[in-house]
Amino acid sequence: MIERANRLRVPAIYEWREQVVDGGLMSYGSSLRATSRRVADVVGRIFRGAAPGDIPIEQPTTFRLVVNAGTAARPASSCPSPCCCVPTR
């Protein structure tokens, strides 16, 4: 999906930072690592005997915008310049 979006020069926003590391233009979402930890915690509670219906639904509280400066700088990229002007990593 990432390769196709890049080949067609379609600006695509992904959920996970890892997709940007793999060549995607940008992502906006929570941390995959933090989400995996929360899922493991819920599964652990169920294995210890908690009823799934008694476990509250949790929402992420931290979101990050990650822009791949290399992908954004490609010729004919459709990334708007204001979002690409201050890379942090």
PDB file of N, CA and C in Angstrom:
ATOM      1  N   MET A   1       0.823  -1.183   0.000  1.00  0.00           N
ATOM      2  CA  MET A   1       0.000   0.000   0.000  1.00  0.00           C
ATOM      3  C   MET A   1       0.873   1.254   0.000  1.00  0.00           C
ATOM      4  N   ILE A   2       1.943   1.232   0.794  1.00  0.00           N
ATOM      5  CA  ILE A   2       2.836   2.387   0.871  1.00  0.00           C
ATOM      6  C   ILE A   2       3.488   2.646  -0.486  1.00  0.00           C
ATOM      7  N   GLU A   3       3.989   1.583  -1.111  1.00  0.00           N
ATOM      8  CA  GLU A   3       4.643   1.731  -2.413  1.00  0.00           C
ATOM      9  C   GLU A   3       3.682   2.274  -3.462  1.00  0.00           C
ATOM     10  N   ARG A   4       2.466   1.779  -3.456  1.00  0.00           N
ATOM     11  CA  ARG A   4       1.482   2.241  -4.443  1.00  0.00           C
ATOM     12  C   ARG A   4       1.145   3.718  -4.229  1.00  0.00           C
ATOM     13  N   ALA A   5       0.934   4.114  -2.995  1.00  0.00           N
ATOM     14  CA  ALA A   5       0.625   5.522  -2.710  1.00  0.00           C
ATOM     15  C   ALA A   5       1.786   6.417  -3.126  1.00  0.00           C
ATOM     16  N   ASN A   6       3.015   5.984  -2.860  1.00  0.00           N
ATOM     17  CA  ASN A   6       4.175   6.776  -3.249  1.00  0.00           C
ATOM     18  C   ASN A   6       4.324   6.836  -4.764  1.00  0.00           C
ATOM     19  N   ARG A   7       4.098   5.705  -5.432  1.00  0.00           N
ATOM     20  CA  ARG A   7       4.232   5.660  -6.891  1.00  0.00           C
ATOM     21  C   ARG A   7       3.204   6.580  -7.561  1.00  0.00           C
ATOM     22  N   LEU A   8       1.978   6.577  -7.037  1.00  0.00           N
ATOM     23  CA  LEU A   8       0.926   7.422  -7.607  1.00  0.00           C
ATOM     24  C   LEU A   8       0.969   8.853  -7.079  1.00  0.00           C
ATOM     25  N   ARG A   9       1.887   9.114  -6.161  1.00  0.00           N
ATOM     26  CA  ARG A   9       2.052  10.430  -5.519  1.00  0.00           C
ATOM     27  C   ARG A   9       0.758  10.903  -4.852  1.00  0.00           C
ATOM     28  N   VAL A  10       0.131   9.961  -4.175  1.00  0.00           N
ATOM     29  CA  VAL A  10      -1.083  10.253  -3.417  1.00  0.00           C
ATOM     30  C   VAL A  10      -0.670  10.490  -1.968  1.00  0.00           C
ATOM     31  N   PRO A  11      -1.005  11.634  -1.400  1.00  0.00           N
ATOM     32  CA  PRO A  11      -0.642  11.845   0.004  1.00  0.00           C
ATOM     33  C   PRO A  11      -1.455  10.896   0.883  1.00  0.00           C
ATOM     34  N   ALA A  12      -0.761  10.113   1.663  1.00  0.00           N
ATOM     35  CA  ALA A  12      -1.435   9.124   2.495  1.00  0.00           C
ATOM     36  C   ALA A  12      -0.998   9.295   3.943  1.00  0.00           C
ATOM     37  N   ILE A  13      -1.946   9.212   4.832  1.00  0.00           N
ATOM     38  CA  ILE A  13      -1.642   9.298   6.251  1.00  0.00           C
ATOM     39  C   ILE A  13      -1.946   7.930   6.861  1.00  0.00           C
ATOM     40  N   TYR A  14      -1.014   7.445   7.647  1.00  0.00           N
ATOM     41  CA  TYR A  14      -1.100   6.109   8.215  1.00  0.00           C
ATOM     42  C   TYR A  14      -1.310   6.202   9.721  1.00  0.00           C
ATOM     43  N   GLU A  15      -1.607   5.067  10.321  1.00  0.00           N
ATOM     44  CA  GLU A  15      -1.894   5.050  11.763  1.00  0.00           C
ATOM     45  C   GLU A  15      -0.636   4.903  12.606  1.00  0.00           C
ATOM     46  N   TRP A  16       0.351   4.177  12.128  1.00  0.00           N
ATOM     47  CA  TRP A  16       1.512   3.845  12.937  1.00  0.00           C
ATOM     48  C   TRP A  16       2.787   4.502  12.419  1.00  0.00           C
ATOM     49  N   ARG A  17       3.655   4.908  13.326  1.00  0.00           N
ATOM     50  CA  ARG A  17       4.953   5.488  13.002  1.00  0.00           C
ATOM     51  C   ARG A  17       5.788   4.530  12.147  1.00  0.00           C
ATOM     52  N   GLU A  18       5.674   3.243  12.409  1.00  0.00           N
ATOM     53  CA  GLU A  18       6.457   2.250  11.676  1.00  0.00           C
ATOM     54  C   GLU A  18       6.166   2.274  10.183  1.00  0.00           C
ATOM     55  N   GLN A  19       4.970   2.644   9.805  1.00  0.00           N
ATOM     56  CA  GLN A  19       4.633   2.749   8.391  1.00  0.00           C
ATOM     57  C   GLN A  19       5.340   3.933   7.743  1.00  0.00           C
ATOM     58  N   VAL A  20       5.589   4.974   8.498  1.00  0.00           N
ATOM     59  CA  VAL A  20       6.350   6.109   7.988  1.00  0.00           C
ATOM     60  C   VAL A  20       7.817   5.728   7.848  1.00  0.00           C
ATOM     61  N   VAL A  21       8.332   4.985   8.800  1.00  0.00           N
ATOM     62  CA  VAL A  21       9.709   4.500   8.721  1.00  0.00           C
ATOM     63  C   VAL A  21       9.892   3.633   7.476  1.00  0.00           C
ATOM     64  N   ASP A  22       8.849   2.904   7.088  1.00  0.00           N
ATOM     65  CA  ASP A  22       8.906   2.046   5.906  1.00  0.00           C
ATOM     66  C   ASP A  22       8.715   2.808   4.597  1.00  0.00           C
ATOM     67  N   GLY A  23       8.552   4.130   4.653  1.00  0.00           N
ATOM     68  CA  GLY A  23       8.459   4.930   3.430  1.00  0.00           C
ATOM     69  C   GLY A  23       7.173   5.701   3.263  1.00  0.00           C
ATOM     70  N   GLY A  24       6.235   5.561   4.177  1.00  0.00           N
ATOM     71  CA  GLY A  24       4.988   6.319   4.081  1.00  0.00           C
ATOM     72  C   GLY A  24       5.220   7.798   4.309  1.00  0.00           C
ATOM     73  N   LEU A  25       4.299   8.632   3.856  1.00  0.00           N
ATOM     74  CA  LEU A  25       4.456  10.082   3.963  1.00  0.00           C
ATOM     75  C   LEU A  25       4.302  10.571   5.397  1.00  0.00           C
ATOM     76  N   MET A  26       3.205  10.219   6.049  1.00  0.00           N
ATOM     77  CA  MET A  26       2.999  10.693   7.417  1.00  0.00           C
ATOM     78  C   MET A  26       2.057   9.770   8.166  1.00  0.00           C
ATOM     79  N   SER A  27       2.112   9.882   9.481  1.00  0.00           N
ATOM     80  CA  SER A  27       1.195   9.116  10.323  1.00  0.00           C
ATOM     81  C   SER A  27       0.704   9.996  11.448  1.00  0.00           C
ATOM     82  N   TYR A  28      -0.477   9.686  11.917  1.00  0.00           N
ATOM     83  CA  TYR A  28      -1.035  10.363  13.078  1.00  0.00           C
ATOM     84  C   TYR A  28      -1.756   9.312  13.884  1.00  0.00           C
ATOM     85  N   GLY A  29      -1.238   9.021  15.048  1.00  0.00           N
ATOM     86  CA  GLY A  29      -1.869   8.008  15.869  1.00  0.00           C
ATOM     87  C   GLY A  29      -1.109   7.773  17.149  1.00  0.00           C
ATOM     88  N   SER A  30      -1.580   6.808  17.888  1.00  0.00           N
ATOM     89  CA  SER A  30      -0.923   6.464  19.144  1.00  0.00           C
ATOM     90  C   SER A  30       0.277   5.578  18.846  1.00  0.00           C
ATOM     91  N   SER A  31       0.997   5.250  19.883  1.00  0.00           N
ATOM     92  CA  SER A  31       2.176   4.404  19.758  1.00  0.00           C
ATOM     93  C   SER A  31       1.771   2.940  19.619  1.00  0.00           C
ATOM     94  N   LEU A  32       2.326   2.260  18.639  1.00  0.00           N
ATOM     95  CA  LEU A  32       2.050   0.834  18.465  1.00  0.00           C
ATOM     96  C   LEU A  32       2.537   0.055  19.676  1.00  0.00           C
ATOM     97  N   ARG A  33       3.670   0.455  20.220  1.00  0.00           N
ATOM     98  CA  ARG A  33       4.219  -0.209  21.406  1.00  0.00           C
ATOM     99  C   ARG A  33       3.277  -0.057  22.602  1.00  0.00           C
ATOM    100  N   ALA A  34       2.792   1.156  22.838  1.00  0.00           N
ATOM    101  CA  ALA A  34       1.881   1.399  23.967  1.00  0.00           C
ATOM    102  C   ALA A  34       0.567   0.640  23.778  1.00  0.00           C
ATOM    103  N   THR A  35       0.070   0.617  22.552  1.00  0.00           N
ATOM    104  CA  THR A  35      -1.168  -0.107  22.278  1.00  0.00           C
ATOM    105  C   THR A  35      -0.987  -1.600  22.519  1.00  0.00           C
ATOM    106  N   SER A  36       0.146  -2.134  22.091  1.00  0.00           N
ATOM    107  CA  SER A  36       0.422  -3.561  22.302  1.00  0.00           C
ATOM    108  C   SER A  36       0.504  -3.892  23.786  1.00  0.00           C
ATOM    109  N   ARG A  37       1.099  -3.009  24.554  1.00  0.00           N
ATOM    110  CA  ARG A  37       1.179  -3.231  26.005  1.00  0.00           C
ATOM    111  C   ARG A  37      -0.197  -3.247  26.644  1.00  0.00           C
ATOM    112  N   ARG A  38      -1.065  -2.324  26.205  1.00  0.00           N
ATOM    113  CA  ARG A  38      -2.419  -2.269  26.773  1.00  0.00           C
ATOM    114  C   ARG A  38      -3.203  -3.529  26.401  1.00  0.00           C
ATOM    115  N   VAL A  39      -3.041  -4.002  25.171  1.00  0.00           N
ATOM    116  CA  VAL A  39      -3.725  -5.228  24.755  1.00  0.00           C
ATOM    117  C   VAL A  39      -3.234  -6.404  25.593  1.00  0.00           C
ATOM    118  N   ALA A  40      -1.917  -6.484  25.799  1.00  0.00           N
ATOM    119  CA  ALA A  40      -1.354  -7.574  26.614  1.00  0.00           C
ATOM    120  C   ALA A  40      -1.892  -7.518  28.042  1.00  0.00           C
ATOM    121  N   ASP A  41      -2.053  -6.320  28.579  1.00  0.00           N
ATOM    122  CA  ASP A  41      -2.599  -6.179  29.927  1.00  0.00           C
ATOM    123  C   ASP A  41      -4.034  -6.696  29.995  1.00  0.00           C
ATOM    124  N   VAL A  42      -4.841  -6.348  29.004  1.00  0.00           N
ATOM    125  CA  VAL A  42      -6.238  -6.803  28.987  1.00  0.00           C
ATOM    126  C   VAL A  42      -6.303  -8.324  28.843  1.00  0.00           C
ATOM    127  N   VAL A  43      -5.487  -8.889  27.947  1.00  0.00           N
ATOM    128  CA  VAL A  43      -5.462 -10.343  27.778  1.00  0.00           C
ATOM    129  C   VAL A  43      -5.028 -11.015  29.085  1.00  0.00           C
ATOM    130  N   GLY A  44      -4.040 -10.423  29.762  1.00  0.00           N
ATOM    131  CA  GLY A  44      -3.603 -10.958  31.056  1.00  0.00           C
ATOM    132  C   GLY A  44      -4.709 -10.955  32.086  1.00  0.00           C
ATOM    133  N   ARG A  45      -5.498  -9.893  32.123  1.00  0.00           N
ATOM    134  CA  ARG A  45      -6.633  -9.832  33.053  1.00  0.00           C
ATOM    135  C   ARG A  45      -7.635 -10.942  32.764  1.00  0.00           C
ATOM    136  N   ILE A  46      -7.898 -11.174  31.483  1.00  0.00           N
ATOM    137  CA  ILE A  46      -8.853 -12.223  31.112  1.00  0.00           C
ATOM    138  C   ILE A  46      -8.310 -13.590  31.510  1.00  0.00           C
ATOM    139  N   PHE A  47      -7.033 -13.831  31.273  1.00  0.00           N
ATOM    140  CA  PHE A  47      -6.423 -15.106  31.664  1.00  0.00           C
ATOM    141  C   PHE A  47      -6.436 -15.305  33.178  1.00  0.00           C
ATOM    142  N   ARG A  48      -6.396 -14.206  33.940  1.00  0.00           N
ATOM    143  CA  ARG A  48      -6.436 -14.317  35.399  1.00  0.00           C
ATOM    144  C   ARG A  48      -7.863 -14.453  35.927  1.00  0.00           C
ATOM    145  N   GLY A  49      -8.849 -14.472  35.023  1.00  0.00           N
ATOM    146  CA  GLY A  49     -10.215 -14.740  35.448  1.00  0.00           C
ATOM    147  C   GLY A  49     -11.187 -13.593  35.356  1.00  0.00           C
ATOM    148  N   ALA A  50     -10.767 -12.430  34.931  1.00  0.00           N
ATOM    149  CA  ALA A  50     -11.694 -11.302  34.812  1.00  0.00           C
ATOM    150  C   ALA A  50     -12.657 -11.543  33.652  1.00  0.00           C
ATOM    151  N   ALA A  51     -13.882 -11.148  33.837  1.00  0.00           N
ATOM    152  CA  ALA A  51     -14.872 -11.256  32.768  1.00  0.00           C
ATOM    153  C   ALA A  51     -14.607 -10.151  31.746  1.00  0.00           C
ATOM    154  N   PRO A  52     -14.549 -10.488  30.464  1.00  0.00           N
ATOM    155  CA  PRO A  52     -14.278  -9.461  29.451  1.00  0.00           C
ATOM    156  C   PRO A  52     -15.238  -8.282  29.499  1.00  0.00           C
ATOM    157  N   GLY A  53     -16.490  -8.524  29.860  1.00  0.00           N
ATOM    158  CA  GLY A  53     -17.465  -7.447  29.944  1.00  0.00           C
ATOM    159  C   GLY A  53     -17.219  -6.493  31.100  1.00  0.00           C
ATOM    160  N   ASP A  54     -16.419  -6.921  32.084  1.00  0.00           N
ATOM    161  CA  ASP A  54     -16.118  -6.068  33.241  1.00  0.00           C
ATOM    162  C   ASP A  54     -14.883  -5.203  33.036  1.00  0.00           C
ATOM    163  N   ILE A  55     -14.146  -5.434  31.970  1.00  0.00           N
ATOM    164  CA  ILE A  55     -12.923  -4.661  31.710  1.00  0.00           C
ATOM    165  C   ILE A  55     -13.309  -3.416  30.917  1.00  0.00           C
ATOM    166  N   PRO A  56     -12.969  -2.228  31.420  1.00  0.00           N
ATOM    167  CA  PRO A  56     -13.360  -1.006  30.717  1.00  0.00           C
ATOM    168  C   PRO A  56     -12.615  -0.844  29.386  1.00  0.00           C
ATOM    169  N   ILE A  57     -13.271  -0.208  28.456  1.00  0.00           N
ATOM    170  CA  ILE A  57     -12.650   0.107  27.170  1.00  0.00           C
ATOM    171  C   ILE A  57     -11.727   1.305  27.387  1.00  0.00           C
ATOM    172  N   GLU A  58     -10.512   1.208  26.886  1.00  0.00           N
ATOM    173  CA  GLU A  58      -9.537   2.285  27.050  1.00  0.00           C
ATOM    174  C   GLU A  58      -9.250   2.948  25.714  1.00  0.00           C
ATOM    175  N   GLN A  59      -9.086   4.239  25.733  1.00  0.00           N
ATOM    176  CA  GLN A  59      -8.738   5.013  24.545  1.00  0.00           C
ATOM    177  C   GLN A  59      -7.332   5.564  24.716  1.00  0.00           C
ATOM    178  N   PRO A  60      -6.569   5.672  23.634  1.00  0.00           N
ATOM    179  CA  PRO A  60      -5.243   6.284  23.753  1.00  0.00           C
ATOM    180  C   PRO A  60      -5.374   7.749  24.183  1.00  0.00           C
ATOM    181  N   THR A  61      -4.381   8.218  24.900  1.00  0.00           N
ATOM    182  CA  THR A  61      -4.401   9.609  25.356  1.00  0.00           C
ATOM    183  C   THR A  61      -3.311  10.445  24.695  1.00  0.00           C
ATOM    184  N   THR A  62      -2.366   9.805  24.030  1.00  0.00           N
ATOM    185  CA  THR A  62      -1.268  10.514  23.379  1.00  0.00           C
ATOM    186  C   THR A  62      -1.250  10.152  21.904  1.00  0.00           C
ATOM    187  N   PHE A  63      -1.179  11.159  21.061  1.00  0.00           N
ATOM    188  CA  PHE A  63      -1.102  10.960  19.616  1.00  0.00           C
ATOM    189  C   PHE A  63       0.102  11.728  19.089  1.00  0.00           C
ATOM    190  N   ARG A  64       0.729  11.182  18.045  1.00  0.00           N
ATOM    191  CA  ARG A  64       1.893  11.841  17.457  1.00  0.00           C
ATOM    192  C   ARG A  64       1.712  11.973  15.955  1.00  0.00           C
ATOM    193  N   LEU A  65       2.135  13.127  15.441  1.00  0.00           N
ATOM    194  CA  LEU A  65       2.207  13.348  14.008  1.00  0.00           C
ATOM    195  C   LEU A  65       3.651  13.100  13.601  1.00  0.00           C
ATOM    196  N   VAL A  66       3.872  12.164  12.685  1.00  0.00           N
ATOM    197  CA  VAL A  66       5.213  11.833  12.208  1.00  0.00           C
ATOM    198  C   VAL A  66       5.215  12.048  10.699  1.00  0.00           C
ATOM    199  N   VAL A  67       6.183  12.834  10.208  1.00  0.00           N
ATOM    200  CA  VAL A  67       6.306  13.104   8.782  1.00  0.00           C
ATOM    201  C   VAL A  67       7.647  12.565   8.305  1.00  0.00           C
ATOM    202  N   ASN A  68       7.628  11.806   7.226  1.00  0.00           N
ATOM    203  CA  ASN A  68       8.845  11.287   6.622  1.00  0.00           C
ATOM    204  C   ASN A  68       9.406  12.390   5.731  1.00  0.00           C
ATOM    205  N   ALA A  69      10.477  13.041   6.185  1.00  0.00           N
ATOM    206  CA  ALA A  69      11.050  14.170   5.448  1.00  0.00           C
ATOM    207  C   ALA A  69      11.582  13.733   4.092  1.00  0.00           C
ATOM    208  N   GLY A  70      12.109  12.519   3.997  1.00  0.00           N
ATOM    209  CA  GLY A  70      12.617  12.027   2.721  1.00  0.00           C
ATOM    210  C   GLY A  70      11.521  11.860   1.694  1.00  0.00           C
ATOM    211  N   THR A  71      10.400  11.283   2.098  1.00  0.00           N
ATOM    212  CA  THR A  71       9.272  11.104   1.189  1.00  0.00           C
ATOM    213  C   THR A  71       8.653  12.453   0.845  1.00  0.00           C
ATOM    214  N   ALA A  72       8.555  13.340   1.807  1.00  0.00           N
ATOM    215  CA  ALA A  72       7.952  14.657   1.567  1.00  0.00           C
ATOM    216  C   ALA A  72       8.801  15.510   0.636  1.00  0.00           C
ATOM    217  N   ALA A  73      10.123  15.292   0.634  1.00  0.00           N
ATOM    218  CA  ALA A  73      11.020  16.117  -0.177  1.00  0.00           C
ATOM    219  C   ALA A  73      11.144  15.620  -1.614  1.00  0.00           C
ATOM    220  N   ARG A  74      10.566  14.488  -1.953  1.00  0.00           N
ATOM    221  CA  ARG A  74      10.659  13.974  -3.321  1.00  0.00           C
ATOM    222  C   ARG A  74      10.027  14.944  -4.299  1.00  0.00           C
ATOM    223  N   PRO A  75      10.576  15.010  -5.503  1.00  0.00           N
ATOM    224  CA  PRO A  75       9.974  15.890  -6.524  1.00  0.00           C
ATOM    225  C   PRO A  75       8.518  15.522  -6.765  1.00  0.00           C
ATOM    226  N   ALA A  76       7.705  16.515  -6.954  1.00  0.00           N
ATOM    227  CA  ALA A  76       6.269  16.372  -7.225  1.00  0.00           C
ATOM    228  C   ALA A  76       5.519  15.748  -6.050  1.00  0.00           C
ATOM    229  N   SER A  77       6.094  15.805  -4.863  1.00  0.00           N
ATOM    230  CA  SER A  77       5.381  15.322  -3.685  1.00  0.00           C
ATOM    231  C   SER A  77       4.224  16.266  -3.416  1.00  0.00           C
ATOM    232  N   SER A  78       3.130  15.731  -2.967  1.00  0.00           N
ATOM    233  CA  SER A  78       1.973  16.574  -2.708  1.00  0.00           C
ATOM    234  C   SER A  78       1.841  16.939  -1.243  1.00  0.00           C
ATOM    235  N   CYS A  79       2.935  16.830  -0.495  1.00  0.00           N
ATOM    236  CA  CYS A  79       2.916  17.208   0.911  1.00  0.00           C
ATOM    237  C   CYS A  79       2.954  18.731   1.012  1.00  0.00           C
ATOM    238  N   PRO A  80       2.004  19.329   1.706  1.00  0.00           N
ATOM    239  CA  PRO A  80       2.036  20.784   1.862  1.00  0.00           C
ATOM    240  C   PRO A  80       3.259  21.213   2.662  1.00  0.00           C
ATOM    241  N   SER A  81       3.896  22.287   2.253  1.00  0.00           N
ATOM    242  CA  SER A  81       5.159  22.703   2.863  1.00  0.00           C
ATOM    243  C   SER A  81       5.064  23.063   4.348  1.00  0.00           C
ATOM    244  N   PRO A  82       4.000  23.642   4.887  1.00  0.00           N
ATOM    245  CA  PRO A  82       3.995  23.973   6.311  1.00  0.00           C
ATOM    246  C   PRO A  82       4.179  22.770   7.230  1.00  0.00           C
ATOM    247  N   CYS A  83       3.671  21.600   6.840  1.00  0.00           N
ATOM    248  CA  CYS A  83       3.786  20.451   7.717  1.00  0.00           C
ATOM    249  C   CYS A  83       5.151  19.798   7.631  1.00  0.00           C
ATOM    250  N   CYS A  84       5.957  20.187   6.669  1.00  0.00           N
ATOM    251  CA  CYS A  84       7.250  19.536   6.443  1.00  0.00           C
ATOM    252  C   CYS A  84       8.424  20.453   6.772  1.00  0.00           C
ATOM    253  N   CYS A  85       8.176  21.600   7.334  1.00  0.00           N
ATOM    254  CA  CYS A  85       9.255  22.571   7.481  1.00  0.00           C
ATOM    255  C   CYS A  85      10.099  22.379   8.728  1.00  0.00           C
ATOM    256  N   VAL A  86       9.635  21.659   9.730  1.00  0.00           N
ATOM    257  CA  VAL A  86      10.406  21.513  10.962  1.00  0.00           C
ATOM    258  C   VAL A  86      10.527  20.024  11.339  1.00  0.00           C
ATOM    259  N   PRO A  87      11.466  19.318  10.698  1.00  0.00           N
ATOM    260  CA  PRO A  87      11.636  17.907  11.077  1.00  0.00           C
ATOM    261  C   PRO A  87      12.247  17.778  12.462  1.00  0.00           C
ATOM    262  N   THR A  88      11.811  16.784  13.223  1.00  0.00           N
ATOM    263  CA  THR A  88      12.349  16.584  14.572  1.00  0.00           C
ATOM    264  C   THR A  88      13.234  15.355  14.653  1.00  0.00           C
ATOM    265  N   ARG A  89      13.149  14.459  13.696  1.00  0.00           N
ATOM    266  CA  ARG A  89      14.000  13.262  13.690  1.00  0.00           C
ATOM    267  C   ARG A  89      14.418  12.948  12.295  1.00  0.00           C
TER     268      ARG A  89
END
